[in-house]
Every structure is written in C-alpha cells, then in structure tokens.
Amino acid sequence: MLGAIACTAGILRLWSSPPVIPWLDNKVLIWACAIVGFWAVTVAVNEGRRIYRRSVARNRLGELYRKGQSLILIFASPDADADRQAHEWIDETRALMREYLDDSYVSRFDVLYSRLAVDRIQHGEIVQRLEKLDGFIHELQVSS
C-alpha cells in the first residue's frame, strides 16, 4: 500500500511540473508510476486475501478439532452412528482444507492407519488426525 501511495504522490508531483528528465516526457513517467501503483495495490490485495483465508481456515480447523475431540468420547462405545459421524467429520475437514488451504494439507491429514475392518474407523486413527489438526492450527498461527 505504501508503494501505491508513493506512486500517487509521484503522479501528482509530475502532473504539472516541467520535465524531470530532459529526454523523457512526464507522461511516460506518470504511466510508469500508475503501473507500479496498480501492481502494488494488486500485491497488497492478494496478500490480504491470503491472510484472510488462512485466518478463516485456522478458526474453522479449531472448530473441527473440538468436534473431533467429542468423537473420541463417542468411540468409547462404538456403534454405526459413531463411525458415520467420524466419516462425516473427516470429509468435512478435507473439504475445508481443499477450500481454504491446499492439497498438501489434505495429504498430510490422511494418515496411514491399518484398520481391522475396511470401513470402520478406529479410535487411534481419530487421535492421529486430531494431532495433525493441532499441528496445522499451530502452523497457521505462526505463518499468519
């Protein structure tokens, strides 16, 4: 943003002054300042969007982390409903990561856990995924 302000000040300074460089017209300098100013605003907007997306992701991952912790209590007495809830939680977490972060988070979230049954989620798998989420949250706090 400071670059855009500096470019605007440069444009205003050059607008009605005599040529700064004898062999270069002030209009060329004004256009150069305008292009650099536009670039500075574009960079600032993109950086703001990146920070916002990571902030939203961090907050939503915190909500999913708490939801995952409640799943651990449900797994104390496993039934089909607990397994369905765990699958929904995993799918919701993956969708959030794809939307606000990137696929590297999804691949790190997918743990290699040997299941006794093909579709049954085990307690240890949920614990490992929660540990991954906790790491992601701390990673996003540091980088924001």
Protein backbone atom coordinates (compact mmCIF):
# COMPACT_ATOMS: atom_id res chain seq x y z
CA MET A 1 0.00 0.00 0.00
CA LEU A 2 2.90 2.34 0.69
CA GLY A 3 4.08 1.74 -2.88
CA ALA A 4 0.68 2.77 -4.22
CA ILE A 5 0.69 5.92 -2.09
CA ALA A 6 4.20 6.78 -3.25
CA CYS A 7 3.18 6.26 -6.88
CA THR A 8 0.14 8.52 -6.43
CA ALA A 9 2.35 11.20 -4.91
CA GLY A 10 4.74 10.82 -7.83
CA ILE A 11 1.93 11.18 -10.35
CA LEU A 12 0.62 14.32 -8.63
CA ARG A 13 4.14 15.78 -8.50
CA LEU A 14 4.76 15.10 -12.19
CA TRP A 15 1.33 16.21 -13.40
CA SER A 16 2.02 19.91 -13.77
CA SER A 17 5.78 20.20 -13.36
CA PRO A 18 8.42 20.74 -16.05
CA PRO A 19 10.12 17.57 -17.35
CA VAL A 20 12.23 15.90 -14.69
CA ILE A 21 14.42 14.11 -17.21
CA PRO A 22 15.04 16.19 -20.35
CA TRP A 23 14.90 13.27 -22.79
CA LEU A 24 11.85 11.62 -21.15
CA ASP A 25 8.34 13.05 -21.22
CA ASN A 26 6.49 13.35 -17.90
CA LYS A 27 3.55 11.36 -19.36
CA VAL A 28 5.80 8.30 -19.63
CA LEU A 29 6.82 8.71 -16.00
CA ILE A 30 3.18 9.16 -14.99
CA TRP A 31 2.23 5.92 -16.78
CA ALA A 32 5.16 4.12 -15.16
CA CYS A 33 4.04 5.35 -11.74
CA ALA A 34 0.47 4.28 -12.47
CA ILE A 35 1.57 0.78 -13.49
CA VAL A 36 3.77 0.36 -10.42
CA GLY A 37 0.96 1.69 -8.23
CA PHE A 38 -1.53 -0.77 -9.72
CA TRP A 39 0.94 -3.60 -9.18
CA ALA A 40 1.45 -2.54 -5.54
CA VAL A 41 -2.30 -2.50 -4.91
CA THR A 42 -2.68 -5.92 -6.56
CA VAL A 43 0.06 -7.42 -4.38
CA ALA A 44 -1.48 -5.89 -1.24
CA VAL A 45 -4.95 -7.24 -2.08
CA ASN A 46 -3.62 -10.73 -2.81
CA GLU A 47 -1.65 -10.78 0.43
CA GLY A 48 -4.73 -9.63 2.34
CA ARG A 49 -6.81 -12.41 0.77
CA ARG A 50 -4.15 -15.00 1.67
CA ILE A 51 -4.04 -13.82 5.29
CA TYR A 52 -7.85 -13.80 5.49
CA ARG A 53 -8.16 -17.32 4.04
CA ARG A 54 -5.56 -18.71 6.45
CA SER A 55 -7.29 -16.98 9.37
CA VAL A 56 -10.66 -18.45 8.42
CA ALA A 57 -9.07 -21.86 7.94
CA ARG A 58 -7.39 -21.66 11.36
CA ASN A 59 -10.68 -20.75 13.08
CA ARG A 60 -12.67 -23.43 11.27
CA LEU A 61 -9.98 -26.05 11.93
CA GLY A 62 -10.26 -25.15 15.62
CA GLU A 63 -13.99 -25.85 15.48
CA LEU A 64 -13.37 -29.16 13.73
CA TYR A 65 -10.70 -30.01 16.28
CA ARG A 66 -13.23 -29.61 19.10
CA LYS A 67 -15.74 -31.68 17.14
CA GLY A 68 -13.09 -34.38 16.69
CA GLN A 69 -12.39 -34.39 20.42
CA SER A 70 -16.05 -35.09 21.06
CA LEU A 71 -15.81 -38.02 18.64
CA ILE A 72 -13.24 -39.64 20.89
CA LEU A 73 -15.85 -39.77 23.66
CA ILE A 74 -18.36 -41.32 21.26
CA PHE A 75 -15.84 -44.03 20.34
CA ALA A 76 -15.88 -45.24 23.95
CA SER A 77 -18.99 -47.17 22.95
CA PRO A 78 -18.58 -47.71 19.19
CA ASP A 79 -21.60 -48.18 17.02
CA ALA A 80 -22.60 -47.47 13.44
CA ASP A 81 -23.57 -43.90 14.28
CA ALA A 82 -20.13 -43.13 15.70
CA ASP A 83 -18.50 -44.45 12.55
CA ARG A 84 -20.82 -42.38 10.36
CA GLN A 85 -20.07 -39.26 12.40
CA ALA A 86 -16.35 -39.92 12.11
CA HIS A 87 -16.59 -40.26 8.32
CA GLU A 88 -18.59 -37.01 8.14
CA TRP A 89 -16.02 -35.24 10.30
CA ILE A 90 -13.15 -36.47 8.11
CA ASP A 91 -14.96 -35.45 4.91
CA GLU A 92 -15.85 -32.02 6.34
CA THR A 93 -12.24 -31.45 7.40
CA ARG A 94 -10.88 -32.46 3.99
CA ALA A 95 -13.38 -30.17 2.23
CA LEU A 96 -12.35 -27.23 4.43
CA MET A 97 -8.67 -27.82 3.70
CA ARG A 98 -9.29 -28.01 -0.04
CA GLU A 99 -11.33 -24.80 0.04
CA TYR A 100 -9.10 -22.61 2.21
CA LEU A 101 -5.67 -24.23 2.11
CA ASP A 102 -4.23 -26.66 -0.43
CA ASP A 103 -4.00 -30.37 -1.17
CA SER A 104 -0.77 -30.75 0.79
CA TYR A 105 -2.80 -30.30 3.98
CA VAL A 106 -5.26 -32.96 2.84
CA SER A 107 -2.49 -35.44 2.08
CA ARG A 108 -0.85 -34.79 5.47
CA PHE A 109 -4.24 -35.15 7.18
CA ASP A 110 -4.81 -38.55 5.60
CA VAL A 111 -2.98 -40.86 7.95
CA LEU A 112 -1.85 -44.33 7.09
CA TYR A 113 -3.64 -46.35 9.73
CA SER A 114 -4.26 -50.04 9.32
CA ARG A 115 -7.91 -50.67 10.02
CA LEU A 116 -9.19 -54.00 11.21
CA ALA A 117 -12.33 -53.57 9.15
CA VAL A 118 -12.31 -51.78 5.83
CA ASP A 119 -14.90 -49.10 6.63
CA ARG A 120 -14.60 -48.93 10.41
CA ILE A 121 -12.65 -46.02 11.82
CA GLN A 122 -10.61 -46.82 14.89
CA HIS A 123 -10.03 -44.66 17.97
CA GLY A 124 -6.31 -44.36 17.21
CA GLU A 125 -7.00 -43.00 13.75
CA ILE A 126 -9.12 -40.18 15.15
CA VAL A 127 -6.38 -39.41 17.70
CA GLN A 128 -3.75 -39.25 14.93
CA ARG A 129 -5.93 -36.99 12.81
CA LEU A 130 -6.52 -34.70 15.80
CA GLU A 131 -2.77 -34.46 16.33
CA LYS A 132 -2.37 -33.48 12.67
CA LEU A 133 -5.10 -30.82 13.03
CA ASP A 134 -3.41 -29.42 16.12
CA GLY A 135 -0.17 -29.15 14.15
CA PHE A 136 -1.96 -27.39 11.28
CA ILE A 137 -3.53 -24.88 13.65
CA HIS A 138 -0.14 -24.04 15.17
CA GLU A 139 1.42 -23.85 11.71
CA LEU A 140 -1.26 -21.39 10.55
CA GLN A 141 -0.84 -19.25 13.70
CA VAL A 142 2.89 -18.92 13.09
CA SER A 143 2.58 -18.11 9.37
CA SER A 144 -0.23 -15.54 9.67
